[in-house]
C-alpha atoms as a PDB file:
ATOM      1  CA  MET A   1      -1.410  33.073  57.064  1.00  0.00           C
ATOM      2  CA  ARG A   2      -2.293  30.440  59.612  1.00  0.00           C
ATOM      3  CA  ASN A   3       1.214  30.427  61.101  1.00  0.00           C
ATOM      4  CA  LYS A   4       1.359  34.207  61.389  1.00  0.00           C
ATOM      5  CA  LYS A   5      -2.032  34.407  63.108  1.00  0.00           C
ATOM      6  CA  TRP A   6      -1.071  32.087  65.964  1.00  0.00           C
ATOM      7  CA  LYS A   7       2.581  33.036  66.222  1.00  0.00           C
ATOM      8  CA  ASN A   8       2.437  34.999  69.534  1.00  0.00           C
ATOM      9  CA  VAL A   9      -0.270  32.977  71.318  1.00  0.00           C
ATOM     10  CA  LYS A  10       0.948  30.756  74.185  1.00  0.00           C
ATOM     11  CA  PHE A  11      -0.885  27.807  75.781  1.00  0.00           C
ATOM     12  CA  SER A  12      -0.008  26.070  79.025  1.00  0.00           C
ATOM     13  CA  GLY A  13      -1.344  23.076  80.928  1.00  0.00           C
ATOM     14  CA  ALA A  14      -3.615  20.264  79.731  1.00  0.00           C
ATOM     15  CA  ALA A  15      -6.559  22.579  79.072  1.00  0.00           C
ATOM     16  CA  GLY A  16      -4.395  24.819  76.951  1.00  0.00           C
ATOM     17  CA  ARG A  17      -3.083  21.925  74.950  1.00  0.00           C
ATOM     18  CA  ARG A  18      -6.655  20.690  74.328  1.00  0.00           C
ATOM     19  CA  LEU A  19      -7.705  24.155  73.178  1.00  0.00           C
ATOM     20  CA  MET A  20      -4.696  24.308  70.884  1.00  0.00           C
ATOM     21  CA  ALA A  21      -5.625  20.964  69.371  1.00  0.00           C
ATOM     22  CA  LEU A  22      -9.219  22.087  68.779  1.00  0.00           C
ATOM     23  CA  LEU A  23      -8.129  25.302  67.124  1.00  0.00           C
ATOM     24  CA  LEU A  24      -5.657  23.493  64.895  1.00  0.00           C
ATOM     25  CA  ALA A  25      -8.302  20.957  63.918  1.00  0.00           C
ATOM     26  CA  ALA A  26     -10.706  23.745  63.069  1.00  0.00           C
ATOM     27  CA  GLY A  27      -8.102  25.423  60.920  1.00  0.00           C
ATOM     28  CA  ILE A  28      -7.311  22.206  59.049  1.00  0.00           C
ATOM     29  CA  ALA A  29     -11.018  21.586  58.413  1.00  0.00           C
ATOM     30  CA  ALA A  30     -11.441  25.092  57.072  1.00  0.00           C
ATOM     31  CA  SER A  31      -8.473  24.596  54.787  1.00  0.00           C
ATOM     32  CA  ALA A  32      -9.863  21.284  53.547  1.00  0.00           C
ATOM     33  CA  SER A  33     -13.257  22.914  52.988  1.00  0.00           C
ATOM     34  CA  GLY A  34     -11.591  25.605  50.904  1.00  0.00           C
ATOM     35  CA  CYS A  35      -9.801  23.014  48.720  1.00  0.00           C
ATOM     36  CA  SER A  36     -13.065  21.204  48.113  1.00  0.00           C
ATOM     37  CA  ALA A  37     -14.711  24.415  47.038  1.00  0.00           C
ATOM     38  CA  ASP A  38     -11.878  25.070  44.599  1.00  0.00           C
ATOM     39  CA  ALA A  39     -12.251  21.565  43.213  1.00  0.00           C
ATOM     40  CA  ARG A  40     -16.006  22.020  42.756  1.00  0.00           C
ATOM     41  CA  ALA A  41     -15.432  25.303  40.968  1.00  0.00           C
ATOM     42  CA  THR A  42     -12.984  23.588  38.626  1.00  0.00           C
ATOM     43  CA  ASP A  43     -15.474  20.791  37.931  1.00  0.00           C
ATOM     44  CA  GLU A  44     -18.288  23.232  37.246  1.00  0.00           C
ATOM     45  CA  GLN A  45     -16.179  25.179  34.731  1.00  0.00           C
ATOM     46  CA  PRO A  46     -14.283  22.665  32.589  1.00  0.00           C
ATOM     47  CA  SER A  47     -11.279  23.984  30.795  1.00  0.00           C
ATOM     48  CA  GLN A  48     -10.722  23.664  27.064  1.00  0.00           C
ATOM     49  CA  LYS A  49      -8.235  20.887  27.799  1.00  0.00           C
ATOM     50  CA  GLU A  50     -10.938  18.776  29.446  1.00  0.00           C
ATOM     51  CA  THR A  51     -13.304  19.080  26.473  1.00  0.00           C
ATOM     52  CA  GLN A  52     -10.755  17.908  23.921  1.00  0.00           C
ATOM     53  CA  THR A  53     -11.378  14.738  21.940  1.00  0.00           C
ATOM     54  CA  GLN A  54     -10.295  11.394  23.262  1.00  0.00           C
ATOM     55  CA  SER A  55      -7.734  10.930  20.511  1.00  0.00           C
ATOM     56  CA  ASP A  56      -6.050  14.225  21.446  1.00  0.00           C
ATOM     57  CA  ALA A  57      -6.088  13.372  25.151  1.00  0.00           C
ATOM     58  CA  GLU A  58      -4.366  10.068  24.560  1.00  0.00           C
ATOM     59  CA  GLN A  59      -1.403  11.644  22.807  1.00  0.00           C
ATOM     60  CA  PRO A  60       1.806  11.771  24.874  1.00  0.00           C
ATOM     61  CA  ASN A  61       2.891  15.107  26.310  1.00  0.00           C
ATOM     62  CA  PRO A  62       6.601  15.033  27.123  1.00  0.00           C
ATOM     63  CA  GLY A  63       7.191  18.803  27.020  1.00  0.00           C
ATOM     64  CA  SER A  64       4.219  20.643  28.530  1.00  0.00           C
ATOM     65  CA  GLN A  65       4.850  23.948  30.333  1.00  0.00           C
ATOM     66  CA  GLU A  66       2.036  23.225  32.802  1.00  0.00           C
ATOM     67  CA  GLU A  67       3.607  20.173  34.413  1.00  0.00           C
ATOM     68  CA  GLU A  68       3.417  19.636  38.167  1.00  0.00           C
ATOM     69  CA  GLU A  69       6.424  18.670  40.239  1.00  0.00           C
ATOM     70  CA  VAL A  70       6.116  15.741  42.628  1.00  0.00           C
ATOM     71  CA  ASP A  71       9.174  15.132  44.812  1.00  0.00           C
ATOM     72  CA  GLY A  72      11.321  16.836  42.256  1.00  0.00           C
ATOM     73  CA  ILE A  73      10.020  14.673  39.361  1.00  0.00           C
ATOM     74  CA  LYS A  74       7.908  16.363  36.728  1.00  0.00           C
ATOM     75  CA  GLU A  75       4.683  14.523  36.038  1.00  0.00           C
ATOM     76  CA  PRO A  76       2.665  15.619  32.983  1.00  0.00           C
ATOM     77  CA  GLU A  77      -1.014  16.239  33.436  1.00  0.00           C
ATOM     78  CA  LEU A  78      -3.084  13.415  31.937  1.00  0.00           C
ATOM     79  CA  ASN A  79      -5.282  15.633  29.802  1.00  0.00           C
ATOM     80  CA  GLU A  80      -2.698  18.144  28.734  1.00  0.00           C
ATOM     81  CA  GLU A  81      -2.734  18.685  24.954  1.00  0.00           C
ATOM     82  CA  PRO A  82       0.648  18.656  23.155  1.00  0.00           C
ATOM     83  CA  GLU A  83       1.634  22.009  21.758  1.00  0.00           C
ATOM     84  CA  ASP A  84       1.847  20.654  18.205  1.00  0.00           C
ATOM     85  CA  SER A  85      -1.219  18.379  18.329  1.00  0.00           C
ATOM     86  CA  LYS A  86      -3.321  20.845  16.361  1.00  0.00           C
ATOM     87  CA  ASP A  87      -1.105  20.267  13.341  1.00  0.00           C
ATOM     88  CA  THR A  88      -0.883  16.498  13.734  1.00  0.00           C
ATOM     89  CA  VAL A  89      -2.105  14.611  10.668  1.00  0.00           C
ATOM     90  CA  PRO A  90      -3.786  11.284  11.520  1.00  0.00           C
ATOM     91  CA  PRO A  91      -2.341   8.178   9.862  1.00  0.00           C
ATOM     92  CA  SER A  92      -3.911   6.984   6.618  1.00  0.00           C
ATOM     93  CA  GLU A  93      -7.094   5.028   7.145  1.00  0.00           C
ATOM     94  CA  THR A  94      -6.376   2.810   4.186  1.00  0.00           C
ATOM     95  CA  GLY A  95      -2.837   1.899   5.195  1.00  0.00           C
ATOM     96  CA  PRO A  96      -0.098   0.749   2.825  1.00  0.00           C
ATOM     97  CA  TYR A  97      -0.944  -1.098  -0.389  1.00  0.00           C
ATOM     98  CA  ASP A  98      -1.048  -4.889  -0.041  1.00  0.00           C
ATOM     99  CA  PHE A  99       1.117  -6.120  -2.905  1.00  0.00           C
ATOM    100  CA  SER A 100       0.280  -9.748  -2.099  1.00  0.00           C
ATOM    101  CA  GLN A 101      -3.215  -9.179  -3.497  1.00  0.00           C
ATOM    102  CA  SER A 102      -4.424  -8.679  -7.063  1.00  0.00           C
ATOM    103  CA  VAL A 103      -5.255  -5.163  -8.154  1.00  0.00           C
ATOM    104  CA  PRO A 104      -8.910  -4.677  -7.119  1.00  0.00           C
ATOM    105  CA  GLU A 105     -11.654  -3.452  -9.403  1.00  0.00           C
ATOM    106  CA  SER A 106     -11.678   0.312  -9.888  1.00  0.00           C
ATOM    107  CA  ALA A 107     -13.508   2.940 -11.894  1.00  0.00           C
ATOM    108  CA  GLU A 108     -13.076   2.441 -15.621  1.00  0.00           C
ATOM    109  CA  VAL A 109     -10.408   4.600 -17.195  1.00  0.00           C
ATOM    110  CA  GLU A 110     -10.409   6.062 -20.696  1.00  0.00           C
ATOM    111  CA  ASN A 111      -8.214   4.642 -23.426  1.00  0.00           C
ATOM    112  CA  SER A 112      -6.017   7.710 -22.957  1.00  0.00           C
ATOM    113  CA  TYR A 113      -4.813   6.164 -19.685  1.00  0.00           C
ATOM    114  CA  PHE A 114      -2.549   4.001 -21.860  1.00  0.00           C
ATOM    115  CA  ASP A 115      -0.987   6.891 -23.782  1.00  0.00           C
ATOM    116  CA  ASP A 116       2.167   6.544 -21.682  1.00  0.00           C
ATOM    117  CA  ALA A 117       2.012   2.760 -21.279  1.00  0.00           C
ATOM    118  CA  VAL A 118       4.341   0.107 -22.666  1.00  0.00           C
ATOM    119  CA  PHE A 119       3.223  -3.488 -23.164  1.00  0.00           C
ATOM    120  CA  ILE A 120       5.900  -6.180 -23.103  1.00  0.00           C
ATOM    121  CA  GLY A 121       5.109  -9.752 -24.091  1.00  0.00           C
ATOM    122  CA  ASN A 122       5.149 -12.652 -26.486  1.00  0.00           C
ATOM    123  CA  SER A 123       2.801 -13.552 -29.360  1.00  0.00           C
ATOM    124  CA  ARG A 124      -0.253 -13.238 -27.132  1.00  0.00           C
ATOM    125  CA  THR A 125       0.573  -9.585 -26.537  1.00  0.00           C
ATOM    126  CA  GLU A 126       1.082  -9.173 -30.271  1.00  0.00           C
ATOM    127  CA  GLY A 127      -2.509 -10.321 -30.687  1.00  0.00           C
ATOM    128  CA  PHE A 128      -3.563  -7.826 -28.023  1.00  0.00           C
ATOM    129  CA  LYS A 129      -1.829  -5.075 -29.985  1.00  0.00           C
ATOM    130  CA  LEU A 130      -3.797  -6.016 -33.106  1.00  0.00           C
ATOM    131  CA  TYR A 131      -7.234  -6.464 -31.580  1.00  0.00           C
ATOM    132  CA  SER A 132      -7.496  -4.501 -28.321  1.00  0.00           C
ATOM    133  CA  GLY A 133      -7.983  -1.091 -29.888  1.00  0.00           C
ATOM    134  CA  LEU A 134      -5.233   0.392 -27.685  1.00  0.00           C
ATOM    135  CA  SER A 135      -3.089   1.585 -30.578  1.00  0.00           C
ATOM    136  CA  ASN A 136      -2.071   4.611 -28.497  1.00  0.00           C
ATOM    137  CA  ALA A 137       0.161   2.456 -26.272  1.00  0.00           C
ATOM    138  CA  GLN A 138       3.677   1.302 -27.131  1.00  0.00           C
ATOM    139  CA  TYR A 139       4.474  -2.369 -27.635  1.00  0.00           C
ATOM    140  CA  TYR A 140       7.638  -4.420 -27.361  1.00  0.00           C
ATOM    141  CA  THR A 141       6.674  -7.930 -28.377  1.00  0.00           C
ATOM    142  CA  ALA A 142       8.155 -10.935 -30.127  1.00  0.00           C
ATOM    143  CA  ILE A 143       7.040 -14.451 -30.950  1.00  0.00           C
ATOM    144  CA  GLY A 144       8.796 -16.757 -28.514  1.00  0.00           C
ATOM    145  CA  LEU A 145       9.934 -13.923 -26.219  1.00  0.00           C
ATOM    146  CA  MET A 146      11.070 -15.142 -22.779  1.00  0.00           C
ATOM    147  CA  VAL A 147      12.322 -13.584 -19.553  1.00  0.00           C
ATOM    148  CA  ASP A 148      15.946 -14.276 -20.472  1.00  0.00           C
ATOM    149  CA  THR A 149      15.948 -13.484 -24.195  1.00  0.00           C
ATOM    150  CA  ILE A 150      14.437 -10.059 -23.498  1.00  0.00           C
ATOM    151  CA  PHE A 151      18.001  -9.122 -22.459  1.00  0.00           C
ATOM    152  CA  THR A 152      19.904 -10.965 -25.164  1.00  0.00           C
ATOM    153  CA  LYS A 153      18.066 -11.233 -28.493  1.00  0.00           C
ATOM    154  CA  PRO A 154      17.652  -8.275 -30.886  1.00  0.00           C
ATOM    155  CA  TYR A 155      13.863  -8.307 -31.128  1.00  0.00           C
ATOM    156  CA  ALA A 156      13.471  -4.515 -31.248  1.00  0.00           C
ATOM    157  CA  THR A 157      14.478  -1.859 -33.755  1.00  0.00           C
ATOM    158  CA  VAL A 158      15.645   1.617 -32.749  1.00  0.00           C
ATOM    159  CA  ASP A 159      16.645   4.143 -35.408  1.00  0.00           C
ATOM    160  CA  GLY A 160      16.930   1.356 -37.931  1.00  0.00           C
ATOM    161  CA  GLU A 161      19.221  -0.715 -35.714  1.00  0.00           C
ATOM    162  CA  LYS A 162      18.289  -4.044 -34.183  1.00  0.00           C
ATOM    163  CA  THR A 163      18.633  -4.242 -30.406  1.00  0.00           C
ATOM    164  CA  THR A 164      17.253  -5.989 -27.361  1.00  0.00           C
ATOM    165  CA  ILE A 165      13.909  -4.990 -25.893  1.00  0.00           C
ATOM    166  CA  MET A 166      15.488  -3.827 -22.634  1.00  0.00           C
ATOM    167  CA  GLU A 167      17.904  -1.596 -24.547  1.00  0.00           C
ATOM    168  CA  ALA A 168      15.055  -0.233 -26.655  1.00  0.00           C
ATOM    169  CA  LEU A 169      13.112   0.584 -23.491  1.00  0.00           C
ATOM    170  CA  LYS A 170      15.884   2.986 -22.489  1.00  0.00           C
ATOM    171  CA  THR A 171      15.000   5.155 -25.500  1.00  0.00           C
ATOM    172  CA  THR A 172      11.277   5.197 -24.698  1.00  0.00           C
ATOM    173  CA  GLU A 173       9.252   7.655 -22.645  1.00  0.00           C
ATOM    174  CA  PHE A 174       6.732   5.836 -20.444  1.00  0.00           C
ATOM    175  CA  SER A 175       5.035   5.957 -17.055  1.00  0.00           C
ATOM    176  CA  LYS A 176       3.413   2.518 -16.975  1.00  0.00           C
ATOM    177  CA  VAL A 177       4.602  -0.933 -17.977  1.00  0.00           C
ATOM    178  CA  TYR A 178       2.442  -4.023 -18.498  1.00  0.00           C
ATOM    179  CA  ILE A 179       4.358  -7.305 -18.636  1.00  0.00           C
ATOM    180  CA  MET A 180       3.062 -10.720 -19.664  1.00  0.00           C
ATOM    181  CA  LEU A 181       5.731 -13.388 -20.013  1.00  0.00           C
ATOM    182  CA  GLY A 182       5.804 -17.042 -19.073  1.00  0.00           C
ATOM    183  CA  MET A 183       3.979 -19.106 -21.661  1.00  0.00           C
ATOM    184  CA  ASN A 184       7.192 -20.070 -23.446  1.00  0.00           C
ATOM    185  CA  GLU A 185       8.948 -20.810 -20.148  1.00  0.00           C
ATOM    186  CA  LEU A 186       6.458 -23.445 -18.927  1.00  0.00           C
ATOM    187  CA  GLY A 187       8.866 -26.186 -19.959  1.00  0.00           C
ATOM    188  CA  TRP A 188      11.669 -24.898 -17.738  1.00  0.00           C
ATOM    189  CA  VAL A 189      12.641 -27.403 -15.073  1.00  0.00           C
ATOM    190  CA  TYR A 190      13.004 -24.844 -12.297  1.00  0.00           C
ATOM    191  CA  GLY A 191      10.293 -22.263 -11.806  1.00  0.00           C
ATOM    192  CA  SER A 192      12.603 -20.381  -9.478  1.00  0.00           C
ATOM    193  CA  VAL A 193      14.865 -19.545 -12.432  1.00  0.00           C
ATOM    194  CA  TYR A 194      11.886 -18.076 -14.277  1.00  0.00           C
ATOM    195  CA  GLN A 195      11.016 -16.047 -11.192  1.00  0.00           C
ATOM    196  CA  GLU A 196      14.591 -14.798 -10.841  1.00  0.00           C
ATOM    197  CA  TYR A 197      14.827 -13.600 -14.456  1.00  0.00           C
ATOM    198  CA  TYR A 198      11.438 -11.932 -14.196  1.00  0.00           C
ATOM    199  CA  GLY A 199      12.712 -10.084 -11.140  1.00  0.00           C
ATOM    200  CA  ARG A 200      15.688  -8.855 -13.150  1.00  0.00           C
ATOM    201  CA  ILE A 201      13.295  -7.349 -15.692  1.00  0.00           C
ATOM    202  CA  ILE A 202      11.542  -5.405 -12.940  1.00  0.00           C
ATOM    203  CA  ASP A 203      14.861  -4.200 -11.537  1.00  0.00           C
ATOM    204  CA  ALA A 204      16.009  -3.091 -14.980  1.00  0.00           C
ATOM    205  CA  ILE A 205      12.791  -1.171 -15.628  1.00  0.00           C
ATOM    206  CA  ARG A 206      13.204   0.628 -12.319  1.00  0.00           C
ATOM    207  CA  GLU A 207      16.741   1.609 -13.233  1.00  0.00           C
ATOM    208  CA  ILE A 208      15.419   3.108 -16.467  1.00  0.00           C
ATOM    209  CA  ASN A 209      12.439   4.838 -14.828  1.00  0.00           C
ATOM    210  CA  PRO A 210      12.205   4.621 -11.019  1.00  0.00           C
ATOM    211  CA  ASP A 211       8.757   6.251 -11.026  1.00  0.00           C
ATOM    212  CA  ALA A 212       7.107   3.902 -13.513  1.00  0.00           C
ATOM    213  CA  VAL A 213       4.040   1.966 -12.398  1.00  0.00           C
ATOM    214  CA  ILE A 214       4.762  -1.697 -13.127  1.00  0.00           C
ATOM    215  CA  TYR A 215       1.953  -4.180 -13.683  1.00  0.00           C
ATOM    216  CA  ILE A 216       2.613  -7.917 -13.763  1.00  0.00           C
ATOM    217  CA  GLN A 217      -0.164  -9.562 -15.739  1.00  0.00           C
ATOM    218  CA  SER A 218      -1.079 -13.142 -14.914  1.00  0.00           C
ATOM    219  CA  ILE A 219      -0.431 -15.726 -17.606  1.00  0.00           C
ATOM    220  CA  LEU A 220      -3.656 -16.412 -19.481  1.00  0.00           C
ATOM    221  CA  PRO A 221      -5.045 -19.967 -19.441  1.00  0.00           C
ATOM    222  CA  VAL A 222      -5.286 -22.277 -22.423  1.00  0.00           C
ATOM    223  CA  SER A 223      -8.380 -24.134 -23.542  1.00  0.00           C
ATOM    224  CA  ALA A 224      -9.467 -27.305 -21.776  1.00  0.00           C
ATOM    225  CA  GLU A 225      -8.639 -29.371 -24.853  1.00  0.00           C
ATOM    226  CA  LYS A 226      -5.143 -27.899 -25.084  1.00  0.00           C
ATOM    227  CA  SER A 227      -4.546 -28.316 -21.365  1.00  0.00           C
ATOM    228  CA  GLU A 228      -5.607 -31.959 -21.290  1.00  0.00           C
ATOM    229  CA  SER A 229      -3.532 -32.909 -24.333  1.00  0.00           C
ATOM    230  CA  ASP A 230      -0.249 -31.197 -23.484  1.00  0.00           C
ATOM    231  CA  GLN A 231       2.100 -32.196 -20.672  1.00  0.00           C
ATOM    232  CA  ILE A 232       3.816 -28.817 -20.618  1.00  0.00           C
ATOM    233  CA  TYR A 233       1.460 -26.133 -21.868  1.00  0.00           C
ATOM    234  CA  ASN A 234      -1.425 -26.797 -19.536  1.00  0.00           C
ATOM    235  CA  ASN A 235      -3.404 -24.857 -16.976  1.00  0.00           C
ATOM    236  CA  GLU A 236      -1.945 -26.670 -13.990  1.00  0.00           C
ATOM    237  CA  ARG A 237       1.510 -25.499 -14.966  1.00  0.00           C
ATOM    238  CA  ILE A 238       0.207 -22.007 -15.752  1.00  0.00           C
ATOM    239  CA  ASN A 239      -1.326 -21.777 -12.276  1.00  0.00           C
ATOM    240  CA  GLU A 240       1.992 -22.770 -10.728  1.00  0.00           C
ATOM    241  CA  PHE A 241       3.778 -19.990 -12.589  1.00  0.00           C
ATOM    242  CA  ASN A 242       1.098 -17.470 -11.672  1.00  0.00           C
ATOM    243  CA  SER A 243       1.692 -18.326  -8.023  1.00  0.00           C
ATOM    244  CA  LEU A 244       5.360 -17.481  -8.566  1.00  0.00           C
ATOM    245  CA  LEU A 245       4.334 -14.165 -10.109  1.00  0.00           C
ATOM    246  CA  ARG A 246       2.185 -13.325  -7.084  1.00  0.00           C
ATOM    247  CA  GLU A 247       5.162 -13.958  -4.827  1.00  0.00           C
ATOM    248  CA  LEU A 248       7.354 -11.797  -7.036  1.00  0.00           C
ATOM    249  CA  ALA A 249       4.843  -8.941  -7.063  1.00  0.00           C
ATOM    250  CA  GLU A 250       4.831  -8.894  -3.271  1.00  0.00           C
ATOM    251  CA  GLU A 251       8.617  -9.101  -3.057  1.00  0.00           C
ATOM    252  CA  LYS A 252       9.257  -6.356  -5.610  1.00  0.00           C
ATOM    253  CA  GLU A 253       6.209  -4.286  -4.606  1.00  0.00           C
ATOM    254  CA  VAL A 254       4.685  -4.122  -8.073  1.00  0.00           C
ATOM    255  CA  TYR A 255       1.046  -4.568  -9.054  1.00  0.00           C
ATOM    256  CA  TYR A 256      -0.326  -7.999  -9.957  1.00  0.00           C
ATOM    257  CA  VAL A 257      -3.242  -7.834 -12.391  1.00  0.00           C
ATOM    258  CA  ASP A 258      -5.144 -11.118 -12.634  1.00  0.00           C
ATOM    259  CA  VAL A 259      -6.262 -10.707 -16.239  1.00  0.00           C
ATOM    260  CA  ALA A 260      -6.794 -14.478 -16.470  1.00  0.00           C
ATOM    261  CA  GLN A 261     -10.116 -13.859 -14.703  1.00  0.00           C
ATOM    262  CA  ALA A 262     -11.350 -11.893 -17.708  1.00  0.00           C
ATOM    263  CA  VAL A 263     -10.958 -14.767 -20.159  1.00  0.00           C
ATOM    264  CA  SER A 264     -11.550 -17.875 -18.019  1.00  0.00           C
ATOM    265  CA  ASP A 265     -14.657 -20.031 -17.855  1.00  0.00           C
ATOM    266  CA  GLU A 266     -16.042 -21.587 -14.662  1.00  0.00           C
ATOM    267  CA  ASN A 267     -13.319 -24.249 -14.810  1.00  0.00           C
ATOM    268  CA  GLY A 268     -10.460 -21.785 -15.193  1.00  0.00           C
ATOM    269  CA  CYS A 269      -9.951 -22.597 -18.869  1.00  0.00           C
ATOM    270  CA  LEU A 270      -9.931 -20.424 -21.954  1.00  0.00           C
ATOM    271  CA  PRO A 271     -13.300 -21.054 -23.671  1.00  0.00           C
ATOM    272  CA  GLU A 272     -13.117 -22.810 -27.021  1.00  0.00           C
ATOM    273  CA  ASP A 273     -14.675 -19.811 -28.780  1.00  0.00           C
ATOM    274  CA  GLY A 274     -12.137 -17.500 -27.156  1.00  0.00           C
ATOM    275  CA  SER A 275      -9.174 -18.775 -29.120  1.00  0.00           C
ATOM    276  CA  PHE A 276      -8.040 -19.699 -32.601  1.00  0.00           C
ATOM    277  CA  ASP A 277      -5.870 -22.589 -31.462  1.00  0.00           C
ATOM    278  CA  GLY A 278      -6.460 -23.043 -27.744  1.00  0.00           C
ATOM    279  CA  VAL A 279      -3.734 -20.510 -26.912  1.00  0.00           C
ATOM    280  CA  HIS A 280      -4.050 -17.237 -28.846  1.00  0.00           C
ATOM    281  CA  LEU A 281      -7.095 -15.058 -28.220  1.00  0.00           C
ATOM    282  CA  THR A 282      -9.773 -13.963 -30.658  1.00  0.00           C
ATOM    283  CA  PRO A 283     -10.506 -10.236 -31.118  1.00  0.00           C
ATOM    284  CA  GLU A 284     -13.528 -10.569 -28.812  1.00  0.00           C
ATOM    285  CA  TYR A 285     -11.445 -11.988 -25.999  1.00  0.00           C
ATOM    286  CA  CYS A 286      -8.688  -9.444 -26.524  1.00  0.00           C
ATOM    287  CA  GLY A 287     -11.457  -6.933 -25.864  1.00  0.00           C
ATOM    288  CA  LYS A 288     -12.320  -8.691 -22.601  1.00  0.00           C
ATOM    289  CA  TRP A 289      -8.659  -8.507 -21.645  1.00  0.00           C
ATOM    290  CA  ARG A 290      -8.564  -4.771 -22.456  1.00  0.00           C
ATOM    291  CA  ASP A 291     -11.762  -4.058 -20.507  1.00  0.00           C
ATOM    292  CA  TYR A 292     -10.356  -5.824 -17.460  1.00  0.00           C
ATOM    293  CA  LEU A 293      -7.234  -3.667 -17.548  1.00  0.00           C
ATOM    294  CA  LYS A 294      -9.351  -0.534 -17.829  1.00  0.00           C
ATOM    295  CA  THR A 295     -11.242  -1.437 -14.654  1.00  0.00           C
ATOM    296  CA  HIS A 296      -8.226  -2.597 -12.630  1.00  0.00           C
ATOM    297  CA  THR A 297      -5.796   0.289 -12.287  1.00  0.00           C
ATOM    298  CA  VAL A 298      -3.992   1.961  -9.415  1.00  0.00           C
ATOM    299  CA  THR A 299      -3.479   5.628  -8.667  1.00  0.00           C
ATOM    300  CA  VAL A 300       0.013   6.435  -7.470  1.00  0.00           C
ATOM    301  CA  GLU A 301       0.665   9.826  -5.882  1.00  0.00           C
ATOM    302  CA  CYS A 302       4.248  10.960  -6.246  1.00  0.00           C
ATOM    303  CA  ALA A 303       5.852  12.887  -3.419  1.00  0.00           C
ATOM    304  CA  ASP A 304       6.663  16.538  -4.032  1.00  0.00           C
END
């Protein structure tokens, strides 16, 4: 409009040029005053975009339809809300599970939680089967069972036929597996071999049931008297193997349950009254073991 208004007006001489300059300056000032008024009106009436939360405002906006062009380059408005931000689900506040840590304490579950559980272990787990009161679970146990013989020796019976525990597991319906192995392997020269075989057990279970929740139970301590009198079956060696199990749990992303806490005294030993022979637990201490498992569980949500 400004150009059309002054299109046919002519100025000559110095006075004319000064008048032209004054008129132009006045027009520019009026234009600037108008822009300021528009800006104030915008400030006084904030749009919905400007009242959005900070988290929404910070989200990137690569495809807004209200972008401004600057020298041919589209520059998104800073506070523009992405079209799909209303449906954006914030990331989990808890984050992924930390498999390097022991399963934390949780609300106590009922005994029925173990209806679909399988316990795998040596003679200590046989004692647990007898005295824990969890007769609703399934058990694959054997005296002297180790992480290698679980694949090779016919400790289990299926349909009247003797077979290995891992083969028997293929015929079993289960959703949870509790493993405790390692007491009989304490004399092995290389702990890494024990760790490797244990890892094979986990891999085999996952082949049988990829959705099963797998719990590695720590090896329980022995009594102070047993530990001090035996060069192999002692708590120092047990602690070394439990460290290997923690590493394995993190590597394989399975759950490490530190059940040793439930039956240890202040020195990390199995109390004298907690065992018949310094190794195998009494009914009372099998109950402590059971109660610890009932208050240290995980809830796994399967994807649809």
